[in-house]
Amino acid sequence: MQTSFDINSNYDTWINIIFTIDTSRLLKIYENKTLIHQFTLVTSQYSGMSESSPFTIGRSNGTSSHDFKGNIDDFRIYNKV
């Protein structure tokens, strides 16, 4: 399962990133309203959040050298569209 992706925007510009996931576990990633990646989360590979695997934003599962180094503004989570 792919757990990372590249953002194509230049640095020093505002971008809008949207993640959606449906009941079939299809995850879609949009950059400035353009679909840039999609894949299906496999149940055996994704067990959701837990104390040992919390939800994070801008944090890499690997080394901290891959962590997001910028500002995140106006973050929201919705359970409907």
PDB file of N, CA and C in Angstrom:
ATOM      1  N   MET A   1       0.833  -1.174   0.000  1.00  0.00           N
ATOM      2  CA  MET A   1       0.000   0.000   0.000  1.00  0.00           C
ATOM      3  C   MET A   1       0.880   1.241   0.000  1.00  0.00           C
ATOM      4  N   GLN A   2       0.593   2.165  -0.872  1.00  0.00           N
ATOM      5  CA  GLN A   2       1.337   3.414  -0.909  1.00  0.00           C
ATOM      6  C   GLN A   2       0.840   4.310   0.208  1.00  0.00           C
ATOM      7  N   THR A   3       1.754   4.866   0.976  1.00  0.00           N
ATOM      8  CA  THR A   3       1.373   5.744   2.066  1.00  0.00           C
ATOM      9  C   THR A   3       1.951   7.140   1.930  1.00  0.00           C
ATOM     10  N   SER A   4       2.548   7.434   0.782  1.00  0.00           N
ATOM     11  CA  SER A   4       3.081   8.767   0.551  1.00  0.00           C
ATOM     12  C   SER A   4       2.835   9.170  -0.893  1.00  0.00           C
ATOM     13  N   PHE A   5       2.914  10.462  -1.154  1.00  0.00           N
ATOM     14  CA  PHE A   5       2.720  10.995  -2.495  1.00  0.00           C
ATOM     15  C   PHE A   5       3.401  12.345  -2.561  1.00  0.00           C
ATOM     16  N   ASP A   6       3.659  12.820  -3.766  1.00  0.00           N
ATOM     17  CA  ASP A   6       4.308  14.109  -3.961  1.00  0.00           C
ATOM     18  C   ASP A   6       3.284  15.176  -4.299  1.00  0.00           C
ATOM     19  N   ILE A   7       3.515  16.356  -3.773  1.00  0.00           N
ATOM     20  CA  ILE A   7       2.725  17.532  -4.120  1.00  0.00           C
ATOM     21  C   ILE A   7       3.499  18.276  -5.198  1.00  0.00           C
ATOM     22  N   ASN A   8       2.817  18.627  -6.282  1.00  0.00           N
ATOM     23  CA  ASN A   8       3.492  19.215  -7.430  1.00  0.00           C
ATOM     24  C   ASN A   8       3.681  20.728  -7.359  1.00  0.00           C
ATOM     25  N   SER A   9       3.109  21.385  -6.369  1.00  0.00           N
ATOM     26  CA  SER A   9       3.172  22.837  -6.301  1.00  0.00           C
ATOM     27  C   SER A   9       4.559  23.336  -5.910  1.00  0.00           C
ATOM     28  N   ASN A  10       4.836  24.562  -6.315  1.00  0.00           N
ATOM     29  CA  ASN A  10       6.080  25.220  -5.924  1.00  0.00           C
ATOM     30  C   ASN A  10       5.995  25.618  -4.460  1.00  0.00           C
ATOM     31  N   TYR A  11       7.164  25.757  -3.829  1.00  0.00           N
ATOM     32  CA  TYR A  11       7.196  26.260  -2.467  1.00  0.00           C
ATOM     33  C   TYR A  11       6.783  27.724  -2.467  1.00  0.00           C
ATOM     34  N   ASP A  12       6.412  28.229  -1.321  1.00  0.00           N
ATOM     35  CA  ASP A  12       6.028  29.634  -1.126  1.00  0.00           C
ATOM     36  C   ASP A  12       4.726  30.005  -1.825  1.00  0.00           C
ATOM     37  N   THR A  13       3.864  29.029  -2.084  1.00  0.00           N
ATOM     38  CA  THR A  13       2.543  29.329  -2.632  1.00  0.00           C
ATOM     39  C   THR A  13       1.507  28.570  -1.812  1.00  0.00           C
ATOM     40  N   TRP A  14       0.321  29.141  -1.690  1.00  0.00           N
ATOM     41  CA  TRP A  14      -0.769  28.470  -0.998  1.00  0.00           C
ATOM     42  C   TRP A  14      -1.330  27.385  -1.900  1.00  0.00           C
ATOM     43  N   ILE A  15      -1.572  26.221  -1.337  1.00  0.00           N
ATOM     44  CA  ILE A  15      -2.208  25.142  -2.086  1.00  0.00           C
ATOM     45  C   ILE A  15      -3.337  24.561  -1.249  1.00  0.00           C
ATOM     46  N   ASN A  16      -4.295  23.969  -1.925  1.00  0.00           N
ATOM     47  CA  ASN A  16      -5.440  23.345  -1.279  1.00  0.00           C
ATOM     48  C   ASN A  16      -5.339  21.841  -1.503  1.00  0.00           C
ATOM     49  N   ILE A  17      -5.198  21.077  -0.421  1.00  0.00           N
ATOM     50  CA  ILE A  17      -5.104  19.627  -0.495  1.00  0.00           C
ATOM     51  C   ILE A  17      -6.364  19.040   0.144  1.00  0.00           C
ATOM     52  N   ILE A  18      -7.024  18.148  -0.574  1.00  0.00           N
ATOM     53  CA  ILE A  18      -8.245  17.512  -0.076  1.00  0.00           C
ATOM     54  C   ILE A  18      -8.091  15.999  -0.173  1.00  0.00           C
ATOM     55  N   PHE A  19      -8.439  15.316   0.897  1.00  0.00           N
ATOM     56  CA  PHE A  19      -8.474  13.856   0.934  1.00  0.00           C
ATOM     57  C   PHE A  19      -9.922  13.433   1.105  1.00  0.00           C
ATOM     58  N   THR A  20     -10.363  12.477   0.322  1.00  0.00           N
ATOM     59  CA  THR A  20     -11.685  11.893   0.529  1.00  0.00           C
ATOM     60  C   THR A  20     -11.533  10.381   0.607  1.00  0.00           C
ATOM     61  N   ILE A  21     -12.408   9.762   1.362  1.00  0.00           N
ATOM     62  CA  ILE A  21     -12.438   8.309   1.423  1.00  0.00           C
ATOM     63  C   ILE A  21     -13.901   7.891   1.471  1.00  0.00           C
ATOM     64  N   ASP A  22     -14.246   6.887   0.681  1.00  0.00           N
ATOM     65  CA  ASP A  22     -15.639   6.438   0.652  1.00  0.00           C
ATOM     66  C   ASP A  22     -15.788   5.108   1.376  1.00  0.00           C
ATOM     67  N   THR A  23     -16.991   4.571   1.386  1.00  0.00           N
ATOM     68  CA  THR A  23     -17.260   3.337   2.122  1.00  0.00           C
ATOM     69  C   THR A  23     -16.545   2.121   1.549  1.00  0.00           C
ATOM     70  N   SER A  24     -16.089   2.196   0.313  1.00  0.00           N
ATOM     71  CA  SER A  24     -15.315   1.089  -0.263  1.00  0.00           C
ATOM     72  C   SER A  24     -13.813   1.256   0.005  1.00  0.00           C
ATOM     73  N   ARG A  25     -13.459   2.250   0.843  1.00  0.00           N
ATOM     74  CA  ARG A  25     -12.073   2.567   1.228  1.00  0.00           C
ATOM     75  C   ARG A  25     -11.253   3.148   0.085  1.00  0.00           C
ATOM     76  N   LEU A  26     -11.912   3.736  -0.920  1.00  0.00           N
ATOM     77  CA  LEU A  26     -11.195   4.403  -2.003  1.00  0.00           C
ATOM     78  C   LEU A  26     -10.776   5.787  -1.513  1.00  0.00           C
ATOM     79  N   LEU A  27      -9.472   5.988  -1.426  1.00  0.00           N
ATOM     80  CA  LEU A  27      -8.912   7.254  -0.982  1.00  0.00           C
ATOM     81  C   LEU A  27      -8.531   8.070  -2.206  1.00  0.00           C
ATOM     82  N   LYS A  28      -9.006   9.311  -2.286  1.00  0.00           N
ATOM     83  CA  LYS A  28      -8.654  10.215  -3.387  1.00  0.00           C
ATOM     84  C   LYS A  28      -7.983  11.442  -2.803  1.00  0.00           C
ATOM     85  N   ILE A  29      -6.939  11.903  -3.499  1.00  0.00           N
ATOM     86  CA  ILE A  29      -6.182  13.062  -3.058  1.00  0.00           C
ATOM     87  C   ILE A  29      -6.232  14.113  -4.166  1.00  0.00           C
ATOM     88  N   TYR A  30      -6.670  15.302  -3.810  1.00  0.00           N
ATOM     89  CA  TYR A  30      -6.797  16.404  -4.759  1.00  0.00           C
ATOM     90  C   TYR A  30      -5.840  17.523  -4.367  1.00  0.00           C
ATOM     91  N   GLU A  31      -5.229  18.147  -5.362  1.00  0.00           N
ATOM     92  CA  GLU A  31      -4.422  19.340  -5.169  1.00  0.00           C
ATOM     93  C   GLU A  31      -5.047  20.445  -5.999  1.00  0.00           C
ATOM     94  N   ASN A  32      -5.481  21.511  -5.332  1.00  0.00           N
ATOM     95  CA  ASN A  32      -6.147  22.629  -6.007  1.00  0.00           C
ATOM     96  C   ASN A  32      -7.249  22.130  -6.943  1.00  0.00           C
ATOM     97  N   LYS A  33      -8.118  21.260  -6.432  1.00  0.00           N
ATOM     98  CA  LYS A  33      -9.299  20.706  -7.107  1.00  0.00           C
ATOM     99  C   LYS A  33      -8.988  19.697  -8.216  1.00  0.00           C
ATOM    100  N   THR A  34      -7.715  19.344  -8.407  1.00  0.00           N
ATOM    101  CA  THR A  34      -7.332  18.369  -9.431  1.00  0.00           C
ATOM    102  C   THR A  34      -6.958  17.059  -8.757  1.00  0.00           C
ATOM    103  N   LEU A  35      -7.585  15.956  -9.188  1.00  0.00           N
ATOM    104  CA  LEU A  35      -7.251  14.647  -8.641  1.00  0.00           C
ATOM    105  C   LEU A  35      -5.814  14.299  -9.001  1.00  0.00           C
ATOM    106  N   ILE A  36      -4.962  14.075  -7.985  1.00  0.00           N
ATOM    107  CA  ILE A  36      -3.559  13.769  -8.254  1.00  0.00           C
ATOM    108  C   ILE A  36      -3.202  12.326  -7.918  1.00  0.00           C
ATOM    109  N   HIS A  37      -4.032  11.662  -7.103  1.00  0.00           N
ATOM    110  CA  HIS A  37      -3.731  10.271  -6.768  1.00  0.00           C
ATOM    111  C   HIS A  37      -4.967   9.621  -6.162  1.00  0.00           C
ATOM    112  N   GLN A  38      -5.125   8.319  -6.410  1.00  0.00           N
ATOM    113  CA  GLN A  38      -6.176   7.562  -5.739  1.00  0.00           C
ATOM    114  C   GLN A  38      -5.737   6.115  -5.575  1.00  0.00           C
ATOM    115  N   PHE A  39      -6.162   5.506  -4.498  1.00  0.00           N
ATOM    116  CA  PHE A  39      -5.888   4.091  -4.260  1.00  0.00           C
ATOM    117  C   PHE A  39      -6.873   3.575  -3.226  1.00  0.00           C
ATOM    118  N   THR A  40      -7.025   2.272  -3.189  1.00  0.00           N
ATOM    119  CA  THR A  40      -7.931   1.642  -2.237  1.00  0.00           C
ATOM    120  C   THR A  40      -7.132   1.145  -1.044  1.00  0.00           C
ATOM    121  N   LEU A  41      -7.571   1.538   0.143  1.00  0.00           N
ATOM    122  CA  LEU A  41      -6.941   1.049   1.360  1.00  0.00           C
ATOM    123  C   LEU A  41      -7.360  -0.389   1.577  1.00  0.00           C
ATOM    124  N   VAL A  42      -6.396  -1.250   1.791  1.00  0.00           N
ATOM    125  CA  VAL A  42      -6.660  -2.667   2.004  1.00  0.00           C
ATOM    126  C   VAL A  42      -6.816  -2.898   3.503  1.00  0.00           C
ATOM    127  N   THR A  43      -7.908  -3.532   3.892  1.00  0.00           N
ATOM    128  CA  THR A  43      -8.213  -3.723   5.305  1.00  0.00           C
ATOM    129  C   THR A  43      -7.067  -4.366   6.067  1.00  0.00           C
ATOM    130  N   SER A  44      -6.418  -5.363   5.491  1.00  0.00           N
ATOM    131  CA  SER A  44      -5.332  -6.040   6.192  1.00  0.00           C
ATOM    132  C   SER A  44      -4.099  -5.152   6.347  1.00  0.00           C
ATOM    133  N   GLN A  45      -3.993  -4.090   5.516  1.00  0.00           N
ATOM    134  CA  GLN A  45      -2.837  -3.199   5.595  1.00  0.00           C
ATOM    135  C   GLN A  45      -3.139  -1.942   6.393  1.00  0.00           C
ATOM    136  N   TYR A  46      -4.392  -1.661   6.624  1.00  0.00           N
ATOM    137  CA  TYR A  46      -4.774  -0.434   7.322  1.00  0.00           C
ATOM    138  C   TYR A  46      -5.734  -0.793   8.442  1.00  0.00           C
ATOM    139  N   SER A  47      -5.304  -0.615   9.650  1.00  0.00           N
ATOM    140  CA  SER A  47      -6.150  -0.966  10.785  1.00  0.00           C
ATOM    141  C   SER A  47      -6.749   0.256  11.449  1.00  0.00           C
ATOM    142  N   GLY A  48      -6.566   1.426  10.855  1.00  0.00           N
ATOM    143  CA  GLY A  48      -7.122   2.643  11.430  1.00  0.00           C
ATOM    144  C   GLY A  48      -6.193   3.240  12.465  1.00  0.00           C
ATOM    145  N   MET A  49      -6.735   4.153  13.249  1.00  0.00           N
ATOM    146  CA  MET A  49      -5.940   4.823  14.263  1.00  0.00           C
ATOM    147  C   MET A  49      -5.988   4.039  15.566  1.00  0.00           C
ATOM    148  N   SER A  50      -4.926   4.151  16.316  1.00  0.00           N
ATOM    149  CA  SER A  50      -4.869   3.539  17.641  1.00  0.00           C
ATOM    150  C   SER A  50      -3.850   4.326  18.459  1.00  0.00           C
ATOM    151  N   GLU A  51      -3.710   3.966  19.693  1.00  0.00           N
ATOM    152  CA  GLU A  51      -2.732   4.648  20.534  1.00  0.00           C
ATOM    153  C   GLU A  51      -1.314   4.468  19.996  1.00  0.00           C
ATOM    154  N   SER A  52      -1.031   3.293  19.436  1.00  0.00           N
ATOM    155  CA  SER A  52       0.309   3.050  18.888  1.00  0.00           C
ATOM    156  C   SER A  52       0.453   3.564  17.458  1.00  0.00           C
ATOM    157  N   SER A  53      -0.662   3.908  16.802  1.00  0.00           N
ATOM    158  CA  SER A  53      -0.636   4.418  15.434  1.00  0.00           C
ATOM    159  C   SER A  53      -1.626   5.580  15.315  1.00  0.00           C
ATOM    160  N   PRO A  54      -1.305   6.736  15.917  1.00  0.00           N
ATOM    161  CA  PRO A  54      -2.256   7.844  15.943  1.00  0.00           C
ATOM    162  C   PRO A  54      -2.366   8.574  14.605  1.00  0.00           C
ATOM    163  N   PHE A  55      -3.429   9.332  14.439  1.00  0.00           N
ATOM    164  CA  PHE A  55      -3.639  10.192  13.280  1.00  0.00           C
ATOM    165  C   PHE A  55      -2.682  11.367  13.382  1.00  0.00           C
ATOM    166  N   THR A  56      -1.916  11.621  12.336  1.00  0.00           N
ATOM    167  CA  THR A  56      -0.990  12.740  12.334  1.00  0.00           C
ATOM    168  C   THR A  56      -1.116  13.525  11.040  1.00  0.00           C
ATOM    169  N   ILE A  57      -0.716  14.771  11.082  1.00  0.00           N
ATOM    170  CA  ILE A  57      -0.722  15.634   9.904  1.00  0.00           C
ATOM    171  C   ILE A  57       0.681  16.189   9.734  1.00  0.00           C
ATOM    172  N   GLY A  58       1.249  16.002   8.549  1.00  0.00           N
ATOM    173  CA  GLY A  58       2.568  16.542   8.269  1.00  0.00           C
ATOM    174  C   GLY A  58       3.708  15.733   8.852  1.00  0.00           C
ATOM    175  N   ARG A  59       3.397  14.577   9.368  1.00  0.00           N
ATOM    176  CA  ARG A  59       4.412  13.725  10.006  1.00  0.00           C
ATOM    177  C   ARG A  59       4.622  12.476   9.175  1.00  0.00           C
ATOM    178  N   SER A  60       5.881  12.124   8.927  1.00  0.00           N
ATOM    179  CA  SER A  60       6.209  10.931   8.170  1.00  0.00           C
ATOM    180  C   SER A  60       6.246   9.719   9.088  1.00  0.00           C
ATOM    181  N   ASN A  61       5.861   8.558   8.568  1.00  0.00           N
ATOM    182  CA  ASN A  61       5.984   7.327   9.340  1.00  0.00           C
ATOM    183  C   ASN A  61       7.431   6.880   9.456  1.00  0.00           C
ATOM    184  N   GLY A  62       8.256   7.412   8.586  1.00  0.00           N
ATOM    185  CA  GLY A  62       9.674   7.052   8.593  1.00  0.00           C
ATOM    186  C   GLY A  62      10.470   8.029   9.429  1.00  0.00           C
ATOM    187  N   THR A  63      11.564   8.498   8.874  1.00  0.00           N
ATOM    188  CA  THR A  63      12.422   9.422   9.602  1.00  0.00           C
ATOM    189  C   THR A  63      11.838  10.827   9.597  1.00  0.00           C
ATOM    190  N   SER A  64      12.242  11.629  10.561  1.00  0.00           N
ATOM    191  CA  SER A  64      11.723  12.991  10.653  1.00  0.00           C
ATOM    192  C   SER A  64      12.213  13.872   9.509  1.00  0.00           C
ATOM    193  N   SER A  65      13.181  13.417   8.722  1.00  0.00           N
ATOM    194  CA  SER A  65      13.670  14.208   7.593  1.00  0.00           C
ATOM    195  C   SER A  65      12.600  14.350   6.510  1.00  0.00           C
ATOM    196  N   HIS A  66      11.525  13.532   6.565  1.00  0.00           N
ATOM    197  CA  HIS A  66      10.443  13.631   5.600  1.00  0.00           C
ATOM    198  C   HIS A  66       9.232  14.386   6.142  1.00  0.00           C
ATOM    199  N   ASP A  67       9.317  14.908   7.340  1.00  0.00           N
ATOM    200  CA  ASP A  67       8.195  15.644   7.914  1.00  0.00           C
ATOM    201  C   ASP A  67       7.951  16.933   7.133  1.00  0.00           C
ATOM    202  N   PHE A  68       6.703  17.377   7.107  1.00  0.00           N
ATOM    203  CA  PHE A  68       6.326  18.608   6.421  1.00  0.00           C
ATOM    204  C   PHE A  68       6.968  19.791   7.129  1.00  0.00           C
ATOM    205  N   LYS A  69       7.650  20.626   6.363  1.00  0.00           N
ATOM    206  CA  LYS A  69       8.333  21.790   6.923  1.00  0.00           C
ATOM    207  C   LYS A  69       7.677  23.050   6.373  1.00  0.00           C
ATOM    208  N   GLY A  70       6.537  23.384   6.902  1.00  0.00           N
ATOM    209  CA  GLY A  70       5.802  24.558   6.446  1.00  0.00           C
ATOM    210  C   GLY A  70       4.683  24.852   7.414  1.00  0.00           C
ATOM    211  N   ASN A  71       3.734  25.637   6.975  1.00  0.00           N
ATOM    212  CA  ASN A  71       2.587  25.993   7.799  1.00  0.00           C
ATOM    213  C   ASN A  71       1.340  25.310   7.265  1.00  0.00           C
ATOM    214  N   ILE A  72       0.499  24.846   8.172  1.00  0.00           N
ATOM    215  CA  ILE A  72      -0.787  24.265   7.807  1.00  0.00           C
ATOM    216  C   ILE A  72      -1.858  25.160   8.412  1.00  0.00           C
ATOM    217  N   ASP A  73      -2.782  25.601   7.591  1.00  0.00           N
ATOM    218  CA  ASP A  73      -3.811  26.532   8.041  1.00  0.00           C
ATOM    219  C   ASP A  73      -5.180  25.999   7.659  1.00  0.00           C
ATOM    220  N   ASP A  74      -6.142  26.230   8.509  1.00  0.00           N
ATOM    221  CA  ASP A  74      -7.548  25.932   8.217  1.00  0.00           C
ATOM    222  C   ASP A  74      -7.772  24.444   7.935  1.00  0.00           C
ATOM    223  N   PHE A  75      -7.336  23.604   8.848  1.00  0.00           N
ATOM    224  CA  PHE A  75      -7.511  22.166   8.709  1.00  0.00           C
ATOM    225  C   PHE A  75      -8.889  21.767   9.225  1.00  0.00           C
ATOM    226  N   ARG A  76      -9.598  20.923   8.475  1.00  0.00           N
ATOM    227  CA  ARG A  76     -10.939  20.490   8.870  1.00  0.00           C
ATOM    228  C   ARG A  76     -11.132  19.008   8.582  1.00  0.00           C
ATOM    229  N   ILE A  77     -11.952  18.355   9.386  1.00  0.00           N
ATOM    230  CA  ILE A  77     -12.354  16.988   9.148  1.00  0.00           C
ATOM    231  C   ILE A  77     -13.878  16.936   9.128  1.00  0.00           C
ATOM    232  N   TYR A  78     -14.443  16.357   8.075  1.00  0.00           N
ATOM    233  CA  TYR A  78     -15.887  16.218   7.947  1.00  0.00           C
ATOM    234  C   TYR A  78     -16.233  14.750   7.812  1.00  0.00           C
ATOM    235  N   ASN A  79     -17.416  14.371   8.249  1.00  0.00           N
ATOM    236  CA  ASN A  79     -17.873  13.004   8.047  1.00  0.00           C
ATOM    237  C   ASN A  79     -18.971  12.942   6.994  1.00  0.00           C
ATOM    238  N   LYS A  80     -19.059  13.975   6.178  1.00  0.00           N
ATOM    239  CA  LYS A  80     -20.016  14.025   5.068  1.00  0.00           C
ATOM    240  C   LYS A  80     -19.486  14.969   4.000  1.00  0.00           C
ATOM    241  N   VAL A  81     -20.064  14.889   2.805  1.00  0.00           N
ATOM    242  CA  VAL A  81     -19.664  15.781   1.725  1.00  0.00           C
ATOM    243  C   VAL A  81     -20.707  16.836   1.515  1.00  0.00           C
TER     244      VAL A  81
END
